[in-house]
């Protein structure tokens, strides 16, 4: 077992008892709102670790009255974007402030660096849009009209599929397997639509 996998396992195991107790804290009263705030932060943290794996370890989570703030420095833009999306889906989250920074952004403070960073970001956004389109077309081809119901979001090869409530698990599995086969997809994360 590698060191990073061991770290992730230890983090997940240590948060598991807290996450199990979070259901009890969801219905807390005003006098124990501090506990429910900590529980919300822990639920978001657990979901980030579950969905992002080791990448989630670099994201710091704070919460106050349904408002979640994500911070830290990550290596990939995909991690920063997905962290916000995952946090928004956690029960009890009203809003998310994404203050996650991407390593190397400091170099973009000079005028030349800003132009280079903007060009690189535009290229990445175009590549993500192309990948989303390819996946959507593959889903429609495979699943027919159900392919239109599945939301797609790509960030640096990491694809998020948002499934509508009520879509049967066999269709979900089929969609995930179809998306994994699209060239350029490095990872698939499945979420439920609100």
N, C-alpha and C. Protein backbone atom coordinates (compact mmCIF):
# COMPACT_ATOMS: atom_id res chain seq x y z
N UNK A 1 0.86 -1.17 0.00
CA UNK A 1 0.00 0.00 0.00
C UNK A 1 0.90 1.23 0.00
N UNK A 2 0.66 2.13 -0.95
CA UNK A 2 1.49 3.33 -1.03
C UNK A 2 1.17 4.27 0.12
N UNK A 3 2.07 5.21 0.35
CA UNK A 3 1.91 6.14 1.46
C UNK A 3 0.65 7.00 1.29
N UNK A 4 0.39 7.48 0.06
CA UNK A 4 -0.77 8.34 -0.16
C UNK A 4 -2.08 7.55 0.02
N UNK A 5 -2.11 6.30 -0.42
CA UNK A 5 -3.31 5.49 -0.23
C UNK A 5 -3.51 5.21 1.25
N UNK A 6 -2.42 4.93 1.95
CA UNK A 6 -2.49 4.68 3.40
C UNK A 6 -3.03 5.92 4.11
N UNK A 7 -2.56 7.10 3.72
CA UNK A 7 -3.03 8.35 4.31
C UNK A 7 -4.51 8.54 4.08
N UNK A 8 -4.98 8.24 2.86
CA UNK A 8 -6.39 8.37 2.54
C UNK A 8 -7.23 7.41 3.38
N UNK A 9 -6.79 6.18 3.49
CA UNK A 9 -7.52 5.18 4.26
C UNK A 9 -7.61 5.61 5.72
N UNK A 10 -6.50 6.09 6.29
CA UNK A 10 -6.51 6.55 7.68
C UNK A 10 -7.48 7.72 7.84
N UNK A 11 -7.47 8.66 6.89
CA UNK A 11 -8.36 9.82 6.96
C UNK A 11 -9.82 9.38 6.89
N UNK A 12 -10.14 8.48 5.97
CA UNK A 12 -11.52 8.02 5.83
C UNK A 12 -11.98 7.24 7.05
N UNK A 13 -11.14 6.38 7.56
CA UNK A 13 -11.49 5.59 8.73
C UNK A 13 -11.69 6.49 9.94
N UNK A 14 -10.85 7.51 10.09
CA UNK A 14 -10.98 8.39 11.25
C UNK A 14 -12.23 9.26 11.15
N UNK A 15 -12.70 9.57 9.94
CA UNK A 15 -13.89 10.39 9.78
C UNK A 15 -15.18 9.57 9.79
N UNK A 16 -15.09 8.27 9.57
CA UNK A 16 -16.28 7.44 9.46
C UNK A 16 -17.17 7.51 10.70
N UNK A 17 -16.64 7.35 11.93
CA UNK A 17 -17.53 7.44 13.09
C UNK A 17 -18.19 8.81 13.20
N UNK A 18 -17.49 9.85 12.81
CA UNK A 18 -18.07 11.19 12.87
C UNK A 18 -19.17 11.34 11.84
N UNK A 19 -18.96 10.78 10.66
CA UNK A 19 -19.96 10.90 9.59
C UNK A 19 -21.23 10.14 9.97
N UNK A 20 -21.07 8.99 10.60
CA UNK A 20 -22.23 8.21 11.01
C UNK A 20 -23.05 9.00 12.02
N UNK A 21 -22.38 9.71 12.91
CA UNK A 21 -23.07 10.52 13.91
C UNK A 21 -23.64 11.80 13.36
N UNK A 22 -23.32 12.16 12.13
CA UNK A 22 -23.78 13.42 11.55
C UNK A 22 -25.29 13.43 11.34
N UNK A 23 -25.90 12.29 11.07
CA UNK A 23 -27.34 12.26 10.87
C UNK A 23 -28.06 12.78 12.10
N UNK A 24 -27.54 12.45 13.27
CA UNK A 24 -28.13 12.89 14.51
C UNK A 24 -28.00 14.40 14.64
N UNK A 25 -26.89 14.95 14.15
CA UNK A 25 -26.64 16.38 14.30
C UNK A 25 -27.40 17.23 13.29
N UNK A 26 -27.90 16.65 12.22
CA UNK A 26 -28.63 17.43 11.22
C UNK A 26 -29.85 18.09 11.81
N UNK A 27 -30.50 17.44 12.74
CA UNK A 27 -31.72 17.98 13.32
C UNK A 27 -31.43 18.71 14.63
N UNK A 28 -30.29 19.34 14.72
CA UNK A 28 -29.91 20.01 15.96
C UNK A 28 -30.69 21.30 16.15
N UNK A 29 -30.76 21.74 17.39
CA UNK A 29 -31.44 22.99 17.73
C UNK A 29 -30.45 24.13 17.67
N UNK A 30 -30.94 25.34 17.90
CA UNK A 30 -30.08 26.53 17.83
C UNK A 30 -28.96 26.48 18.86
N UNK A 31 -29.24 25.87 20.02
CA UNK A 31 -28.21 25.87 21.07
C UNK A 31 -27.02 24.98 20.74
N UNK A 32 -27.17 24.01 19.86
CA UNK A 32 -26.01 23.20 19.49
C UNK A 32 -25.64 23.41 18.02
N UNK A 33 -25.87 24.65 17.53
CA UNK A 33 -25.54 24.95 16.13
C UNK A 33 -24.05 24.83 15.86
N UNK A 34 -23.21 25.02 16.88
CA UNK A 34 -21.77 24.83 16.69
C UNK A 34 -21.45 23.40 16.32
N UNK A 35 -22.13 22.45 16.96
CA UNK A 35 -21.92 21.04 16.63
C UNK A 35 -22.42 20.74 15.23
N UNK A 36 -23.60 21.28 14.86
CA UNK A 36 -24.12 20.99 13.52
C UNK A 36 -23.26 21.64 12.45
N UNK A 37 -22.65 22.78 12.76
CA UNK A 37 -21.73 23.43 11.82
C UNK A 37 -20.50 22.56 11.62
N UNK A 38 -19.96 22.02 12.70
CA UNK A 38 -18.81 21.12 12.58
C UNK A 38 -19.21 19.85 11.83
N UNK A 39 -20.41 19.36 12.08
CA UNK A 39 -20.89 18.16 11.40
C UNK A 39 -21.01 18.41 9.90
N UNK A 40 -21.50 19.60 9.52
CA UNK A 40 -21.62 19.93 8.10
C UNK A 40 -20.24 19.96 7.45
N UNK A 41 -19.28 20.57 8.11
CA UNK A 41 -17.91 20.61 7.57
C UNK A 41 -17.36 19.19 7.43
N UNK A 42 -17.64 18.33 8.40
CA UNK A 42 -17.16 16.95 8.33
C UNK A 42 -17.84 16.17 7.21
N UNK A 43 -19.14 16.39 7.01
CA UNK A 43 -19.84 15.70 5.92
C UNK A 43 -19.27 16.12 4.57
N UNK A 44 -19.00 17.42 4.42
CA UNK A 44 -18.42 17.91 3.17
C UNK A 44 -17.03 17.30 2.99
N UNK A 45 -16.24 17.31 4.04
CA UNK A 45 -14.88 16.76 3.99
C UNK A 45 -14.91 15.28 3.60
N UNK A 46 -15.81 14.53 4.21
CA UNK A 46 -15.93 13.09 3.91
C UNK A 46 -16.31 12.88 2.45
N UNK A 47 -17.25 13.68 1.96
CA UNK A 47 -17.68 13.54 0.57
C UNK A 47 -16.53 13.89 -0.39
N UNK A 48 -15.74 14.92 -0.06
CA UNK A 48 -14.59 15.28 -0.89
C UNK A 48 -13.57 14.15 -0.92
N UNK A 49 -13.29 13.56 0.23
CA UNK A 49 -12.34 12.45 0.28
C UNK A 49 -12.87 11.23 -0.48
N UNK A 50 -14.17 10.99 -0.36
CA UNK A 50 -14.77 9.85 -1.05
C UNK A 50 -14.71 10.03 -2.56
N UNK A 51 -15.06 11.21 -3.05
CA UNK A 51 -15.14 11.45 -4.50
C UNK A 51 -13.79 11.79 -5.13
N UNK A 52 -12.93 12.53 -4.41
CA UNK A 52 -11.67 12.99 -4.99
C UNK A 52 -10.47 12.14 -4.58
N UNK A 53 -10.64 11.30 -3.58
CA UNK A 53 -9.53 10.49 -3.10
C UNK A 53 -8.45 11.35 -2.47
N UNK A 54 -7.22 11.02 -2.74
CA UNK A 54 -6.07 11.70 -2.14
C UNK A 54 -6.08 13.20 -2.46
N UNK A 55 -6.58 13.58 -3.65
CA UNK A 55 -6.65 15.00 -4.01
C UNK A 55 -7.48 15.79 -3.01
N UNK A 56 -8.46 15.16 -2.39
CA UNK A 56 -9.31 15.83 -1.42
C UNK A 56 -8.60 16.19 -0.13
N UNK A 57 -7.46 15.58 0.13
CA UNK A 57 -6.71 15.88 1.34
C UNK A 57 -6.16 17.30 1.36
N UNK A 58 -5.99 17.90 0.20
CA UNK A 58 -5.42 19.25 0.11
C UNK A 58 -6.47 20.35 0.20
N UNK A 59 -7.74 19.96 0.37
CA UNK A 59 -8.82 20.93 0.45
C UNK A 59 -9.25 21.09 1.91
N UNK A 60 -9.22 22.33 2.38
CA UNK A 60 -9.65 22.63 3.74
C UNK A 60 -11.12 23.06 3.69
N UNK A 61 -11.90 22.62 4.67
CA UNK A 61 -13.34 22.91 4.69
C UNK A 61 -13.70 23.59 6.00
N UNK A 62 -14.40 24.72 5.90
CA UNK A 62 -15.00 25.36 7.07
C UNK A 62 -16.46 25.61 6.74
N UNK A 63 -17.30 25.66 7.77
CA UNK A 63 -18.73 25.86 7.55
C UNK A 63 -19.30 26.74 8.66
N UNK A 64 -20.29 27.51 8.28
CA UNK A 64 -21.01 28.32 9.25
C UNK A 64 -22.42 28.58 8.73
N UNK A 65 -23.41 28.06 9.44
CA UNK A 65 -24.82 28.25 9.12
C UNK A 65 -25.14 27.93 7.66
N UNK A 66 -24.69 26.79 7.18
CA UNK A 66 -24.97 26.35 5.82
C UNK A 66 -24.06 26.92 4.76
N UNK A 67 -23.18 27.84 5.14
CA UNK A 67 -22.23 28.42 4.19
C UNK A 67 -20.90 27.69 4.34
N UNK A 68 -20.43 27.12 3.26
CA UNK A 68 -19.19 26.34 3.27
C UNK A 68 -18.12 27.10 2.53
N UNK A 69 -16.92 27.09 3.08
CA UNK A 69 -15.76 27.72 2.43
C UNK A 69 -14.72 26.64 2.20
N UNK A 70 -14.27 26.56 0.94
CA UNK A 70 -13.22 25.62 0.57
C UNK A 70 -11.94 26.42 0.35
N UNK A 71 -10.84 25.93 0.88
CA UNK A 71 -9.56 26.62 0.73
C UNK A 71 -8.47 25.57 0.52
N UNK A 72 -7.25 26.04 0.38
CA UNK A 72 -6.11 25.16 0.17
C UNK A 72 -5.51 25.38 -1.20
N UNK A 73 -4.46 24.66 -1.48
CA UNK A 73 -3.78 24.74 -2.77
C UNK A 73 -3.71 23.34 -3.35
N UNK A 74 -4.23 23.19 -4.55
CA UNK A 74 -4.25 21.89 -5.21
C UNK A 74 -3.42 21.95 -6.48
N UNK A 75 -3.10 20.79 -7.02
CA UNK A 75 -2.25 20.72 -8.21
C UNK A 75 -3.03 20.88 -9.50
N UNK A 76 -4.31 20.48 -9.49
CA UNK A 76 -5.08 20.45 -10.74
C UNK A 76 -6.32 21.33 -10.65
N UNK A 77 -6.61 21.99 -11.74
CA UNK A 77 -7.82 22.80 -11.86
C UNK A 77 -9.05 21.93 -11.67
N UNK A 78 -9.00 20.71 -12.16
CA UNK A 78 -10.14 19.79 -12.04
C UNK A 78 -10.51 19.58 -10.58
N UNK A 79 -9.52 19.45 -9.71
CA UNK A 79 -9.78 19.24 -8.29
C UNK A 79 -10.51 20.43 -7.70
N UNK A 80 -10.08 21.64 -8.03
CA UNK A 80 -10.71 22.85 -7.51
C UNK A 80 -12.15 22.96 -7.98
N UNK A 81 -12.41 22.69 -9.24
CA UNK A 81 -13.76 22.79 -9.77
C UNK A 81 -14.68 21.70 -9.22
N UNK A 82 -14.18 20.48 -9.16
CA UNK A 82 -15.00 19.36 -8.68
C UNK A 82 -15.29 19.48 -7.19
N UNK A 83 -14.34 20.00 -6.43
CA UNK A 83 -14.54 20.15 -4.99
C UNK A 83 -15.76 21.03 -4.72
N UNK A 84 -15.87 22.13 -5.45
CA UNK A 84 -17.03 23.01 -5.27
C UNK A 84 -18.32 22.31 -5.65
N UNK A 85 -18.31 21.61 -6.76
CA UNK A 85 -19.51 20.91 -7.23
C UNK A 85 -19.94 19.83 -6.23
N UNK A 86 -18.97 19.09 -5.72
CA UNK A 86 -19.28 18.03 -4.75
C UNK A 86 -19.82 18.63 -3.46
N UNK A 87 -19.22 19.72 -2.99
CA UNK A 87 -19.66 20.36 -1.75
C UNK A 87 -21.10 20.86 -1.88
N UNK A 88 -21.47 21.40 -3.03
CA UNK A 88 -22.83 21.92 -3.23
C UNK A 88 -23.89 20.82 -3.10
N UNK A 89 -23.51 19.58 -3.36
CA UNK A 89 -24.46 18.46 -3.34
C UNK A 89 -24.69 17.89 -1.94
N UNK A 90 -23.89 18.31 -0.96
CA UNK A 90 -24.02 17.76 0.39
C UNK A 90 -25.25 18.37 1.07
N UNK A 91 -26.05 17.51 1.69
CA UNK A 91 -27.26 17.95 2.38
C UNK A 91 -26.90 18.98 3.45
N UNK A 92 -27.60 20.11 3.45
CA UNK A 92 -27.37 21.15 4.44
C UNK A 92 -26.51 22.30 3.95
N UNK A 93 -25.90 22.15 2.78
CA UNK A 93 -25.05 23.22 2.24
C UNK A 93 -25.94 24.20 1.48
N UNK A 94 -25.88 25.46 1.91
CA UNK A 94 -26.66 26.50 1.24
C UNK A 94 -25.86 27.22 0.18
N UNK A 95 -24.58 27.48 0.46
CA UNK A 95 -23.72 28.15 -0.51
C UNK A 95 -22.29 27.69 -0.30
N UNK A 96 -21.48 27.85 -1.36
CA UNK A 96 -20.07 27.44 -1.31
C UNK A 96 -19.20 28.58 -1.82
N UNK A 97 -18.23 28.96 -1.02
CA UNK A 97 -17.21 29.91 -1.45
C UNK A 97 -15.97 29.10 -1.79
N UNK A 98 -15.56 29.14 -3.03
CA UNK A 98 -14.42 28.34 -3.47
C UNK A 98 -13.17 29.22 -3.52
N UNK A 99 -12.36 29.13 -2.48
CA UNK A 99 -11.11 29.88 -2.39
C UNK A 99 -9.91 28.97 -2.62
N UNK A 100 -10.13 27.86 -3.30
CA UNK A 100 -9.04 26.93 -3.59
C UNK A 100 -8.14 27.54 -4.66
N UNK A 101 -6.86 27.47 -4.41
CA UNK A 101 -5.88 27.98 -5.38
C UNK A 101 -5.20 26.82 -6.07
N UNK A 102 -4.76 27.07 -7.27
CA UNK A 102 -4.07 26.05 -8.05
C UNK A 102 -2.59 26.38 -8.05
N UNK A 103 -1.76 25.38 -7.77
CA UNK A 103 -0.31 25.60 -7.75
C UNK A 103 0.13 26.27 -9.04
N UNK A 104 1.00 27.25 -8.93
CA UNK A 104 1.52 27.93 -10.10
C UNK A 104 0.73 29.17 -10.48
N UNK A 105 -0.38 29.46 -9.81
CA UNK A 105 -1.16 30.65 -10.13
C UNK A 105 -0.40 31.93 -9.78
N UNK A 106 0.53 31.84 -8.85
CA UNK A 106 1.28 33.02 -8.45
C UNK A 106 2.09 33.60 -9.60
N UNK A 107 2.50 32.75 -10.54
CA UNK A 107 3.28 33.21 -11.69
C UNK A 107 2.45 34.09 -12.62
N UNK A 108 1.14 34.04 -12.47
CA UNK A 108 0.26 34.80 -13.36
C UNK A 108 0.03 36.23 -12.88
N UNK A 109 0.86 36.75 -11.99
CA UNK A 109 0.66 38.10 -11.47
C UNK A 109 1.28 39.18 -12.36
N UNK A 110 2.23 38.84 -13.20
CA UNK A 110 2.81 39.82 -14.12
C UNK A 110 1.89 39.94 -15.33
N UNK A 111 1.97 41.08 -16.08
CA UNK A 111 1.11 41.22 -17.27
C UNK A 111 1.32 40.08 -18.27
N UNK A 112 2.57 39.68 -18.51
CA UNK A 112 2.83 38.58 -19.44
C UNK A 112 2.28 37.27 -18.89
N UNK A 113 2.45 37.09 -17.60
CA UNK A 113 1.95 35.88 -16.95
C UNK A 113 0.43 35.80 -17.01
N UNK A 114 -0.23 36.97 -16.88
CA UNK A 114 -1.70 36.99 -16.94
C UNK A 114 -2.19 36.60 -18.33
N UNK A 115 -1.52 37.11 -19.35
CA UNK A 115 -1.91 36.77 -20.72
C UNK A 115 -1.69 35.28 -20.97
N UNK A 116 -0.52 34.78 -20.58
CA UNK A 116 -0.23 33.35 -20.75
C UNK A 116 -1.23 32.49 -19.98
N UNK A 117 -1.54 32.89 -18.75
CA UNK A 117 -2.49 32.13 -17.94
C UNK A 117 -3.88 32.15 -18.57
N UNK A 118 -4.29 33.31 -19.10
CA UNK A 118 -5.61 33.41 -19.74
C UNK A 118 -5.68 32.54 -20.98
N UNK A 119 -4.61 32.53 -21.78
CA UNK A 119 -4.59 31.68 -22.97
C UNK A 119 -4.65 30.21 -22.61
N UNK A 120 -3.87 29.84 -21.60
CA UNK A 120 -3.86 28.44 -21.17
C UNK A 120 -5.24 28.04 -20.64
N UNK A 121 -5.86 28.92 -19.86
CA UNK A 121 -7.19 28.64 -19.31
C UNK A 121 -8.21 28.50 -20.44
N UNK A 122 -8.12 29.37 -21.46
CA UNK A 122 -9.04 29.30 -22.60
C UNK A 122 -8.87 27.97 -23.34
N UNK A 123 -7.63 27.54 -23.51
CA UNK A 123 -7.37 26.25 -24.17
C UNK A 123 -7.95 25.10 -23.36
N UNK A 124 -7.78 25.15 -22.05
CA UNK A 124 -8.31 24.10 -21.19
C UNK A 124 -9.84 24.08 -21.23
N UNK A 125 -10.46 25.26 -21.20
CA UNK A 125 -11.92 25.35 -21.25
C UNK A 125 -12.45 24.79 -22.57
N UNK A 126 -11.76 25.10 -23.67
CA UNK A 126 -12.18 24.58 -24.99
C UNK A 126 -12.06 23.06 -25.02
N UNK A 127 -10.98 22.53 -24.48
CA UNK A 127 -10.79 21.08 -24.44
C UNK A 127 -11.87 20.42 -23.58
N UNK A 128 -12.21 21.06 -22.46
CA UNK A 128 -13.27 20.52 -21.59
C UNK A 128 -14.62 20.52 -22.31
N UNK A 129 -14.92 21.61 -23.02
CA UNK A 129 -16.20 21.70 -23.75
C UNK A 129 -16.28 20.62 -24.84
N UNK A 130 -15.17 20.40 -25.51
CA UNK A 130 -15.13 19.36 -26.54
C UNK A 130 -15.37 17.98 -25.92
N UNK A 131 -14.72 17.71 -24.80
CA UNK A 131 -14.89 16.43 -24.13
C UNK A 131 -16.33 16.25 -23.66
N UNK A 132 -16.93 17.29 -23.08
CA UNK A 132 -18.32 17.22 -22.64
C UNK A 132 -19.24 16.88 -23.82
N UNK A 133 -18.99 17.51 -24.96
CA UNK A 133 -19.80 17.26 -26.15
C UNK A 133 -19.65 15.82 -26.64
N UNK A 134 -18.41 15.33 -26.66
CA UNK A 134 -18.17 13.94 -27.09
C UNK A 134 -18.88 12.96 -26.16
N UNK A 135 -18.82 13.21 -24.86
CA UNK A 135 -19.47 12.31 -23.91
C UNK A 135 -20.98 12.38 -24.06
N UNK A 136 -21.53 13.57 -24.19
CA UNK A 136 -22.97 13.71 -24.35
C UNK A 136 -23.45 12.97 -25.60
N UNK A 137 -22.72 13.10 -26.69
CA UNK A 137 -23.07 12.39 -27.92
C UNK A 137 -23.02 10.87 -27.72
N UNK A 138 -21.99 10.40 -27.00
CA UNK A 138 -21.87 8.97 -26.73
C UNK A 138 -23.03 8.49 -25.85
N UNK A 139 -23.43 9.30 -24.87
CA UNK A 139 -24.54 8.93 -23.99
C UNK A 139 -25.86 8.87 -24.77
N UNK A 140 -26.07 9.84 -25.64
CA UNK A 140 -27.30 9.86 -26.46
C UNK A 140 -27.30 8.65 -27.40
N UNK A 141 -26.17 8.37 -28.00
CA UNK A 141 -26.06 7.23 -28.90
C UNK A 141 -26.36 5.92 -28.17
N UNK A 142 -25.87 5.79 -26.94
CA UNK A 142 -26.03 4.55 -26.17
C UNK A 142 -27.38 4.46 -25.46
N UNK A 143 -27.84 5.59 -24.87
CA UNK A 143 -29.01 5.56 -24.00
C UNK A 143 -30.25 6.22 -24.59
N UNK A 144 -30.14 6.75 -25.79
CA UNK A 144 -31.28 7.43 -26.39
C UNK A 144 -31.62 8.70 -25.64
N UNK A 145 -32.92 8.93 -25.42
CA UNK A 145 -33.35 10.17 -24.78
C UNK A 145 -32.84 10.32 -23.35
N UNK A 146 -32.54 9.22 -22.66
CA UNK A 146 -31.97 9.30 -21.32
C UNK A 146 -30.61 10.01 -21.33
N UNK A 147 -29.90 9.94 -22.44
CA UNK A 147 -28.62 10.61 -22.56
C UNK A 147 -28.74 12.12 -22.42
N UNK A 148 -29.87 12.68 -22.85
CA UNK A 148 -30.12 14.11 -22.71
C UNK A 148 -30.34 14.52 -21.26
N UNK A 149 -30.81 13.59 -20.45
CA UNK A 149 -31.15 13.89 -19.05
C UNK A 149 -29.93 13.91 -18.13
N UNK A 150 -28.82 13.39 -18.60
CA UNK A 150 -27.61 13.28 -17.77
C UNK A 150 -26.73 14.50 -18.01
N UNK A 151 -26.44 15.23 -16.96
CA UNK A 151 -25.58 16.40 -17.06
C UNK A 151 -24.12 15.97 -17.15
N UNK A 152 -23.34 16.69 -17.95
CA UNK A 152 -21.91 16.39 -18.05
C UNK A 152 -21.11 17.65 -17.76
N UNK A 153 -20.01 17.47 -17.06
CA UNK A 153 -19.09 18.57 -16.77
C UNK A 153 -17.69 17.98 -16.76
N UNK A 154 -16.82 18.55 -17.57
CA UNK A 154 -15.44 18.04 -17.66
C UNK A 154 -14.47 19.09 -17.15
N UNK A 155 -13.41 18.63 -16.53
CA UNK A 155 -12.33 19.50 -16.06
C UNK A 155 -11.04 18.70 -16.15
N UNK A 156 -10.24 19.01 -17.14
CA UNK A 156 -8.94 18.36 -17.32
C UNK A 156 -9.03 16.85 -17.38
N UNK A 157 -10.02 16.34 -18.09
CA UNK A 157 -10.16 14.89 -18.26
C UNK A 157 -11.00 14.21 -17.20
N UNK A 158 -11.30 14.91 -16.11
CA UNK A 158 -12.15 14.35 -15.07
C UNK A 158 -13.58 14.74 -15.41
N UNK A 159 -14.44 13.75 -15.55
CA UNK A 159 -15.81 13.97 -15.99
C UNK A 159 -16.78 13.74 -14.84
N UNK A 160 -17.67 14.69 -14.66
CA UNK A 160 -18.74 14.53 -13.67
C UNK A 160 -20.04 14.27 -14.43
N UNK A 161 -20.71 13.20 -14.06
CA UNK A 161 -22.02 12.89 -14.60
C UNK A 161 -23.05 13.18 -13.53
N UNK A 162 -24.04 14.01 -13.85
CA UNK A 162 -25.12 14.33 -12.90
C UNK A 162 -26.37 13.61 -13.36
N UNK A 163 -26.81 12.66 -12.53
CA UNK A 163 -27.97 11.85 -12.88
C UNK A 163 -29.25 12.42 -12.27
N UNK A 164 -30.34 12.41 -13.04
CA UNK A 164 -31.62 12.87 -12.49
C UNK A 164 -32.12 11.85 -11.46
N UNK A 165 -32.87 12.35 -10.50
CA UNK A 165 -33.45 11.46 -9.50
C UNK A 165 -34.37 10.47 -10.20
N UNK A 166 -34.33 9.24 -9.75
CA UNK A 166 -35.20 8.23 -10.30
C UNK A 166 -34.62 7.44 -11.45
N UNK A 167 -33.46 7.82 -11.95
CA UNK A 167 -32.86 7.05 -13.04
C UNK A 167 -32.36 5.73 -12.45
N UNK A 168 -32.77 4.64 -13.05
CA UNK A 168 -32.45 3.32 -12.49
C UNK A 168 -30.94 3.05 -12.52
N UNK A 169 -30.49 2.25 -11.58
CA UNK A 169 -29.06 2.00 -11.40
C UNK A 169 -28.43 1.33 -12.61
N UNK A 170 -29.15 0.49 -13.32
CA UNK A 170 -28.58 -0.16 -14.51
C UNK A 170 -28.26 0.88 -15.58
N UNK A 171 -29.13 1.87 -15.74
CA UNK A 171 -28.89 2.95 -16.72
C UNK A 171 -27.71 3.81 -16.29
N UNK A 172 -27.60 4.04 -14.99
CA UNK A 172 -26.46 4.81 -14.46
C UNK A 172 -25.14 4.09 -14.75
N UNK A 173 -25.12 2.80 -14.44
CA UNK A 173 -23.90 2.02 -14.69
C UNK A 173 -23.54 2.03 -16.17
N UNK A 174 -24.54 1.88 -17.02
CA UNK A 174 -24.32 1.91 -18.46
C UNK A 174 -23.75 3.26 -18.89
N UNK A 175 -24.29 4.34 -18.34
CA UNK A 175 -23.79 5.68 -18.68
C UNK A 175 -22.35 5.86 -18.22
N UNK A 176 -22.03 5.39 -17.03
CA UNK A 176 -20.66 5.52 -16.50
C UNK A 176 -19.69 4.75 -17.38
N UNK A 177 -20.05 3.52 -17.73
CA UNK A 177 -19.17 2.70 -18.58
C UNK A 177 -19.01 3.32 -19.97
N UNK A 178 -20.08 3.89 -20.50
CA UNK A 178 -20.02 4.55 -21.80
C UNK A 178 -19.08 5.75 -21.73
N UNK A 179 -19.20 6.56 -20.68
CA UNK A 179 -18.36 7.75 -20.53
C UNK A 179 -16.89 7.37 -20.38
N UNK A 180 -16.60 6.31 -19.65
CA UNK A 180 -15.21 5.88 -19.44
C UNK A 180 -14.52 5.51 -20.76
N UNK A 181 -15.31 5.08 -21.74
CA UNK A 181 -14.74 4.65 -23.02
C UNK A 181 -14.44 5.81 -23.96
N UNK A 182 -14.90 7.01 -23.64
CA UNK A 182 -14.67 8.17 -24.50
C UNK A 182 -13.22 8.62 -24.34
N UNK A 183 -12.55 8.76 -25.46
CA UNK A 183 -11.14 9.16 -25.44
C UNK A 183 -11.01 10.53 -24.78
N UNK A 184 -10.08 10.63 -23.83
CA UNK A 184 -9.84 11.87 -23.12
C UNK A 184 -10.38 11.86 -21.70
N UNK A 185 -11.27 10.91 -21.38
CA UNK A 185 -11.82 10.81 -20.03
C UNK A 185 -10.85 10.00 -19.18
N UNK A 186 -10.36 10.63 -18.11
CA UNK A 186 -9.42 9.93 -17.23
C UNK A 186 -10.10 9.39 -15.97
N UNK A 187 -11.21 10.02 -15.58
CA UNK A 187 -11.91 9.60 -14.36
C UNK A 187 -13.36 10.04 -14.49
N UNK A 188 -14.29 9.25 -13.93
CA UNK A 188 -15.71 9.61 -13.94
C UNK A 188 -16.20 9.67 -12.50
N UNK A 189 -16.88 10.77 -12.19
CA UNK A 189 -17.49 10.96 -10.88
C UNK A 189 -18.99 11.09 -11.09
N UNK A 190 -19.78 10.33 -10.33
CA UNK A 190 -21.23 10.35 -10.48
C UNK A 190 -21.86 11.12 -9.32
N UNK A 191 -22.77 12.02 -9.66
CA UNK A 191 -23.51 12.82 -8.66
C UNK A 191 -24.99 12.79 -9.01
N UNK A 192 -25.84 13.04 -8.01
CA UNK A 192 -27.28 13.17 -8.24
C UNK A 192 -27.62 14.63 -8.42
N UNK A 193 -28.54 14.93 -9.35
CA UNK A 193 -29.03 16.30 -9.52
C UNK A 193 -29.92 16.65 -8.35
N UNK A 194 -29.95 17.93 -8.04
CA UNK A 194 -30.85 18.40 -6.97
C UNK A 194 -32.28 18.32 -7.38
